[in-house]
Protein backbone atom coordinates (compact mmCIF):
# COMPACT_ATOMS: atom_id res chain seq x y z
CA MET A 1 46.07 -40.07 -58.05
CA THR A 2 43.00 -37.87 -58.16
CA GLU A 3 39.68 -39.61 -57.64
CA PRO A 4 36.84 -38.63 -59.98
CA LEU A 5 34.55 -36.02 -58.44
CA ASP A 6 31.08 -37.20 -57.51
CA SER A 7 27.95 -35.08 -57.06
CA LEU A 8 28.63 -34.48 -53.34
CA ASP A 9 32.18 -33.34 -54.15
CA LEU A 10 30.79 -30.89 -56.69
CA ARG A 11 28.17 -29.55 -54.25
CA ILE A 12 30.83 -29.04 -51.56
CA LEU A 13 33.15 -27.28 -54.00
CA ALA A 14 30.34 -25.08 -55.31
CA GLU A 15 29.50 -23.94 -51.78
CA LEU A 16 33.17 -23.28 -50.97
CA GLN A 17 33.56 -21.25 -54.17
CA THR A 18 30.70 -19.06 -53.01
CA ASP A 19 31.96 -18.69 -49.42
CA ALA A 20 35.21 -20.31 -48.30
CA SER A 21 34.64 -19.07 -44.74
CA LEU A 22 31.63 -21.34 -44.17
CA HIS A 23 31.78 -23.24 -40.89
CA LEU A 24 31.82 -26.98 -41.34
CA GLU A 25 28.38 -27.31 -39.71
CA GLU A 26 26.83 -24.86 -42.18
CA LEU A 27 28.56 -26.48 -45.15
CA ALA A 28 27.36 -29.94 -44.14
CA ALA A 29 23.79 -28.67 -43.79
CA ARG A 30 23.88 -26.96 -47.19
CA VAL A 31 25.10 -30.09 -49.00
CA ASP A 32 23.00 -32.49 -46.89
CA SER A 33 25.93 -34.45 -45.49
CA SER A 34 27.79 -34.89 -42.21
CA LYS A 35 30.59 -32.70 -40.88
CA SER A 36 33.04 -35.61 -40.89
CA VAL A 37 32.32 -36.50 -44.53
CA CYS A 38 32.70 -32.86 -45.56
CA TRP A 39 35.94 -32.51 -43.57
CA ARG A 40 37.45 -35.65 -45.16
CA ARG A 41 36.53 -34.50 -48.65
CA ILE A 42 37.90 -30.99 -48.10
CA HIS A 43 41.10 -32.53 -46.77
CA ARG A 44 41.30 -34.69 -49.92
CA PHE A 45 40.66 -31.65 -52.15
CA ASN A 46 43.58 -29.88 -50.47
CA GLU A 47 45.87 -32.91 -50.70
CA GLU A 48 45.08 -33.45 -54.39
CA GLY A 49 45.50 -29.77 -55.26
CA ILE A 50 41.86 -29.30 -56.26
CA ILE A 51 41.68 -26.50 -53.70
CA THR A 52 44.70 -24.31 -54.40
CA GLY A 53 44.13 -21.59 -51.82
CA ARG A 54 41.67 -19.42 -49.95
CA VAL A 55 41.55 -15.70 -50.63
CA THR A 56 39.50 -12.58 -50.05
CA LEU A 57 38.23 -11.16 -53.33
CA LEU A 58 38.42 -7.39 -53.67
CA ASP A 59 36.50 -5.02 -55.92
CA SER A 60 39.30 -3.67 -58.11
CA GLU A 61 37.51 -0.39 -58.87
CA LYS A 62 36.65 0.34 -55.24
CA VAL A 63 40.28 -0.07 -54.16
CA GLY A 64 41.54 2.22 -56.91
CA PHE A 65 42.14 0.17 -60.06
CA GLY A 66 39.72 1.98 -62.36
CA VAL A 67 41.15 0.73 -65.66
CA MET A 68 41.34 -2.84 -66.94
CA VAL A 69 43.48 -3.32 -70.03
CA LEU A 70 43.49 -6.42 -72.20
CA ALA A 71 46.83 -6.43 -73.99
CA PHE A 72 47.48 -8.72 -76.94
CA VAL A 73 51.20 -9.43 -77.20
CA LYS A 74 53.17 -10.68 -80.19
CA ILE A 75 56.61 -12.05 -79.34
CA ASP A 76 59.67 -12.42 -81.53
CA GLY A 77 60.05 -16.15 -82.10
CA ARG A 78 63.16 -15.69 -84.22
CA GLY A 79 65.27 -13.75 -81.71
CA ASP A 80 67.73 -14.88 -79.09
CA ILE A 81 65.25 -14.26 -76.27
CA LYS A 82 63.51 -17.42 -75.08
CA PRO A 83 59.76 -17.20 -74.44
CA SER A 84 60.42 -18.34 -70.86
CA HIS A 85 62.48 -15.17 -70.28
CA ILE A 86 59.63 -13.01 -71.58
CA ILE A 87 57.17 -14.84 -69.32
CA ASP A 88 59.51 -14.38 -66.33
CA ASN A 89 59.71 -10.65 -67.05
CA ILE A 90 55.92 -10.36 -67.37
CA ARG A 91 55.42 -12.23 -64.08
CA LYS A 92 57.50 -9.53 -62.35
CA ILE A 93 55.02 -6.78 -63.31
CA PRO A 94 52.49 -6.57 -60.47
CA GLN A 95 49.85 -4.80 -62.59
CA VAL A 96 49.64 -7.90 -64.82
CA VAL A 97 47.08 -10.03 -62.98
CA GLU A 98 46.64 -12.68 -65.70
CA CYS A 99 48.81 -13.92 -68.55
CA HIS A 100 47.62 -16.47 -71.09
CA ALA A 101 49.43 -18.15 -73.98
CA LEU A 102 47.25 -18.08 -77.10
CA MET A 103 46.97 -19.82 -80.43
CA GLY A 104 46.40 -17.65 -83.45
CA ASP A 105 47.55 -14.21 -84.53
CA VAL A 106 48.90 -13.16 -81.12
CA ASP A 107 50.98 -15.08 -78.61
CA MET A 108 49.76 -13.82 -75.25
CA LEU A 109 46.83 -12.10 -73.63
CA LEU A 110 47.54 -10.00 -70.55
CA LYS A 111 44.95 -8.69 -68.13
CA ILE A 112 46.35 -5.54 -66.58
CA LEU A 113 44.85 -3.43 -63.78
CA VAL A 114 45.92 0.20 -63.31
CA PRO A 115 44.38 3.26 -61.64
CA THR A 116 44.29 5.43 -64.79
CA ILE A 117 45.03 5.39 -68.53
CA LYS A 118 48.11 7.51 -67.78
CA ASP A 119 49.36 4.74 -65.48
CA TYR A 120 48.97 2.25 -68.31
CA GLU A 121 50.77 4.57 -70.70
CA LYS A 122 53.66 4.83 -68.23
CA LEU A 123 53.74 1.04 -67.79
CA LEU A 124 53.69 0.55 -71.57
CA TRP A 125 56.62 2.90 -72.17
CA GLU A 126 58.71 2.07 -69.11
CA ARG A 127 58.27 -1.69 -68.88
CA PHE A 128 56.90 -3.22 -72.06
CA SER A 129 58.63 -1.12 -74.73
CA SER A 130 62.04 -1.95 -73.28
CA MET A 131 61.29 -5.65 -72.74
CA PRO A 132 63.40 -7.81 -75.08
CA GLY A 133 61.47 -10.22 -77.28
CA ILE A 134 58.21 -8.28 -77.54
CA LEU A 135 57.39 -7.31 -81.12
CA ASP A 136 53.98 -5.73 -80.70
CA ILE A 137 51.34 -4.92 -78.10
CA ARG A 138 47.74 -4.14 -79.03
CA SER A 139 45.68 -2.85 -76.13
CA SER A 140 41.98 -2.72 -75.48
CA ILE A 141 40.41 -0.91 -72.54
CA SER A 142 37.48 -2.58 -70.83
CA LEU A 143 34.60 -0.09 -70.65
CA THR A 144 32.14 -2.15 -68.62
CA ARG A 145 32.49 -5.51 -66.95
CA PHE A 146 29.20 -7.36 -67.36
CA LYS A 147 30.34 -10.56 -65.70
CA SER A 148 33.28 -11.42 -63.51
CA THR A 149 33.62 -14.57 -61.48
CA THR A 150 36.31 -16.77 -60.06
CA ALA A 151 33.87 -19.65 -59.63
CA LEU A 152 34.21 -22.62 -61.96
CA PRO A 153 30.91 -23.70 -63.61
CA LEU A 154 30.73 -26.95 -61.61
CA GLN A 155 27.00 -27.31 -62.24
CA THR A 156 27.77 -28.05 -65.90
CA LEU A 157 29.82 -31.10 -64.89
CA THR A 158 26.94 -32.81 -63.10
CA LYS A 159 24.99 -33.16 -66.35
CA LYS A 160 27.75 -35.26 -67.89
CA ARG A 161 28.09 -37.74 -65.03
């Protein structure tokens, strides 16, 4: 069972979200705690699945993905194709970096990264148009990204505790 997070937990997690490569000594100093306390808490976060991995974040544009597409997908709920099959097919497309189920007029939101508009056009015609169960795809191209973060807004939780 997951223990409720206290203010020290939130400070440790906030620091790790900023830089997961921090040495334990530096982390302990930043959160005003001991190395052993920090180590135990990080171990608990891993055991409880609060920390789900450690990654290196890349700048998508600098590595060659110059176009971000937000695709709104409507699926055929009346057909023989189960939504789980559609989701499995979408998961197999490496350019789809996020997939969300939605309430409202559309069923899914996909975040897709491709080098060029032509690459998206090719993906649309070769993968999505032939995918069973998809009724409609409406695409929007992101012109400018004003904010992008993977960090959870942990500081907003401390005000409620």
